[in-house]
Structure formats: C-alpha cells, structure tokens
C-alpha cells in the first residue's frame, strides 16, 4: 500500500490516481476486517462460541479506515499530500462522478485522512512518533 501511495506522485492521469487510491482503500479494508481489538479477543475467550465458524469478518468502519490512512500517508512521506488529494478529487468531480460509488468513497476518505493528518492534535502525535507530514 505504501508503494502505491508513493507512486501517486508519478501519475498524471487523475483517473489512474483515483483507481490507485481506491485499490489502497480496498486493501486496507480487507486487512482491517481481519484485525480484532484486544477487547474483542478477550470477549471471545470468555464466550461460548463455536470454533471454526465461517462467518465473514465485519466490514471496517470509516473511522478505522481513516486512522489507517492517516498513518499510511504519514509513513509514505509524500511531498505534497494536500495538492495530490485535491488534484485527484477535483478531476473526479469534473468527470461527473461526484463522490458516488467505491472510488468516490475512497477519494473522500483519502482527502479526509490528509486533512486530519494536518490537524494540530494529529500533527503533534505524528511528530511524537517521529513522522512529519509535509503540508503543501
């Protein structure tokens, strides 16, 4: 996923950028669905549930995806994440797609993650972790 995000700076076609962002969000969602919090694991240990059930993992919420995207963006160290997000988002809207469908969902989350990463509390946390996000 980090390679795809870093590769966005080399893409000139907003449609390819939007598709790549959608692929990253799809990848994060699939992996996030497999993760369980410590609380869920502890609750399962004490519960009388059948072992080996074939129930699919629940789809992750937007908050989970947003958190993962913020960390991913910060780790990638993009030179100008805001410009990149606005470029992909603006051209997607110009194509008449607005923010509908899977690509619109992915772009909205990507743009939200970029903006959230720029917020003062998140910026301070990222600096504490030794990660700086360029704000151009």
Protein backbone atom coordinates (compact mmCIF):
# COMPACT_ATOMS: atom_id res chain seq x y z
CA UNK A 1 0.00 0.00 0.00
CA UNK A 2 2.85 2.42 0.74
CA UNK A 3 4.34 1.81 -2.71
CA UNK A 4 1.01 2.62 -4.35
CA UNK A 5 0.61 5.83 -2.35
CA UNK A 6 4.18 6.91 -3.15
CA UNK A 7 3.54 6.11 -6.81
CA UNK A 8 0.68 8.60 -6.95
CA UNK A 9 3.18 11.43 -7.41
CA UNK A 10 4.34 9.86 -10.68
CA UNK A 11 0.84 9.56 -12.12
CA UNK A 12 -0.51 12.33 -14.29
CA UNK A 13 -3.96 10.92 -15.00
CA UNK A 14 -6.46 11.67 -12.21
CA UNK A 15 -8.49 8.61 -13.16
CA UNK A 16 -5.47 6.36 -12.58
CA UNK A 17 -4.79 8.17 -9.31
CA UNK A 18 -8.38 7.66 -8.16
CA UNK A 19 -8.24 3.98 -9.09
CA UNK A 20 -4.95 3.54 -7.21
CA UNK A 21 -6.40 5.26 -4.12
CA UNK A 22 -9.44 3.01 -4.37
CA UNK A 23 -7.16 -0.05 -4.54
CA UNK A 24 -5.33 1.09 -1.39
CA UNK A 25 -8.59 1.65 0.49
CA UNK A 26 -9.84 -1.74 -0.67
CA UNK A 27 -6.59 -3.35 0.55
CA UNK A 28 -6.78 -1.58 3.92
CA UNK A 29 -10.44 -2.54 4.34
CA UNK A 30 -9.71 -6.19 3.61
CA UNK A 31 -6.85 -6.28 6.10
CA UNK A 32 -8.69 -4.19 8.70
CA UNK A 33 -11.59 -6.66 8.62
CA UNK A 34 -9.17 -9.39 9.74
CA UNK A 35 -7.87 -7.43 12.71
CA UNK A 36 -9.52 -7.67 16.09
CA UNK A 37 -9.09 -5.41 19.04
CA UNK A 38 -7.83 -6.72 22.36
CA UNK A 39 -11.27 -6.22 23.81
CA UNK A 40 -12.89 -8.39 21.14
CA UNK A 41 -10.29 -11.12 21.64
CA UNK A 42 -10.82 -11.05 25.39
CA UNK A 43 -14.58 -11.19 24.97
CA UNK A 44 -14.29 -14.17 22.64
CA UNK A 45 -12.11 -16.09 25.09
CA UNK A 46 -14.83 -15.97 27.72
CA UNK A 47 -17.75 -16.55 25.37
CA UNK A 48 -19.25 -19.91 24.48
CA UNK A 49 -19.00 -19.69 20.70
CA UNK A 50 -18.48 -22.40 18.14
CA UNK A 51 -14.90 -22.68 16.97
CA UNK A 52 -14.28 -22.57 13.23
CA UNK A 53 -17.42 -20.77 12.11
CA UNK A 54 -17.33 -19.48 8.56
CA UNK A 55 -18.86 -16.10 9.30
CA UNK A 56 -17.16 -13.32 7.34
CA UNK A 57 -15.34 -10.64 9.28
CA UNK A 58 -17.38 -7.46 9.64
CA UNK A 59 -16.57 -4.63 7.26
CA UNK A 60 -14.47 -1.94 8.91
CA UNK A 61 -16.00 1.41 9.67
CA UNK A 62 -14.89 4.69 8.18
CA UNK A 63 -13.16 5.63 11.45
CA UNK A 64 -10.97 2.54 11.21
CA UNK A 65 -10.09 3.23 7.59
CA UNK A 66 -9.43 6.90 8.28
CA UNK A 67 -7.00 6.04 11.08
CA UNK A 68 -5.14 3.55 8.91
CA UNK A 69 -4.99 6.00 6.00
CA UNK A 70 -3.59 8.78 8.23
CA UNK A 71 -0.78 6.55 9.46
CA UNK A 72 -0.15 5.21 5.95
CA UNK A 73 0.04 8.72 4.50
CA UNK A 74 2.37 9.86 7.23
CA UNK A 75 4.62 6.82 6.73
CA UNK A 76 4.79 7.40 2.96
CA UNK A 77 6.23 10.89 3.37
CA UNK A 78 4.56 12.41 0.31
CA UNK A 79 5.96 15.80 -0.69
CA UNK A 80 2.57 17.48 -1.14
CA UNK A 81 -0.31 15.28 0.03
CA UNK A 82 -2.88 18.10 0.09
CA UNK A 83 -2.22 19.10 -3.52
CA UNK A 84 -2.29 15.47 -4.58
CA UNK A 85 -5.59 14.79 -2.82
CA UNK A 86 -7.19 17.95 -4.20
CA UNK A 87 -5.98 17.16 -7.74
CA UNK A 88 -7.44 13.66 -7.74
CA UNK A 89 -10.64 14.79 -6.02
CA UNK A 90 -11.23 17.83 -8.26
CA UNK A 91 -10.86 15.95 -11.50
CA UNK A 92 -13.02 13.10 -10.25
CA UNK A 93 -15.79 15.63 -9.56
CA UNK A 94 -15.29 17.22 -13.00
CA UNK A 95 -15.86 13.85 -14.63
CA UNK A 96 -19.36 13.98 -13.19
CA UNK A 97 -18.84 11.16 -10.76
CA UNK A 98 -19.10 13.40 -7.70
CA UNK A 99 -18.48 11.27 -4.65
CA UNK A 100 -20.58 8.28 -5.54
CA UNK A 101 -19.55 4.68 -5.69
CA UNK A 102 -16.44 2.97 -4.44
CA UNK A 103 -13.98 5.42 -6.00
CA UNK A 104 -15.86 8.39 -4.55
CA UNK A 105 -15.84 6.74 -1.13
CA UNK A 106 -12.09 6.07 -1.40
CA UNK A 107 -11.33 9.63 -2.53
CA UNK A 108 -13.43 11.15 0.25
CA UNK A 109 -11.61 9.03 2.84
CA UNK A 110 -8.21 9.83 1.32
CA UNK A 111 -8.93 13.56 1.33
CA UNK A 112 -10.28 13.32 4.88
CA UNK A 113 -7.15 11.47 6.01
CA UNK A 114 -4.92 14.15 4.50
CA UNK A 115 -6.88 16.91 6.21
CA UNK A 116 -6.99 15.08 9.53
CA UNK A 117 -3.25 14.44 9.39
CA UNK A 118 -2.79 18.20 9.10
CA UNK A 119 -4.85 18.91 12.23
CA UNK A 120 -2.90 20.12 15.24
CA UNK A 121 -3.60 17.14 17.55
CA UNK A 122 -2.73 14.58 14.87
CA UNK A 123 0.30 16.54 13.68
CA UNK A 124 1.58 16.62 17.28
CA UNK A 125 1.02 12.87 17.63
CA UNK A 126 2.81 12.15 14.35
CA UNK A 127 5.74 14.33 15.43
CA UNK A 128 5.83 12.42 18.72
CA UNK A 129 6.07 9.21 16.68
CA UNK A 130 8.89 10.76 14.63
CA UNK A 131 6.82 11.15 11.46
CA UNK A 132 6.39 14.51 9.72
CA UNK A 133 3.75 15.22 7.09
CA UNK A 134 4.57 17.92 4.54
CA UNK A 135 1.68 20.37 4.36
CA UNK A 136 1.96 21.71 0.83
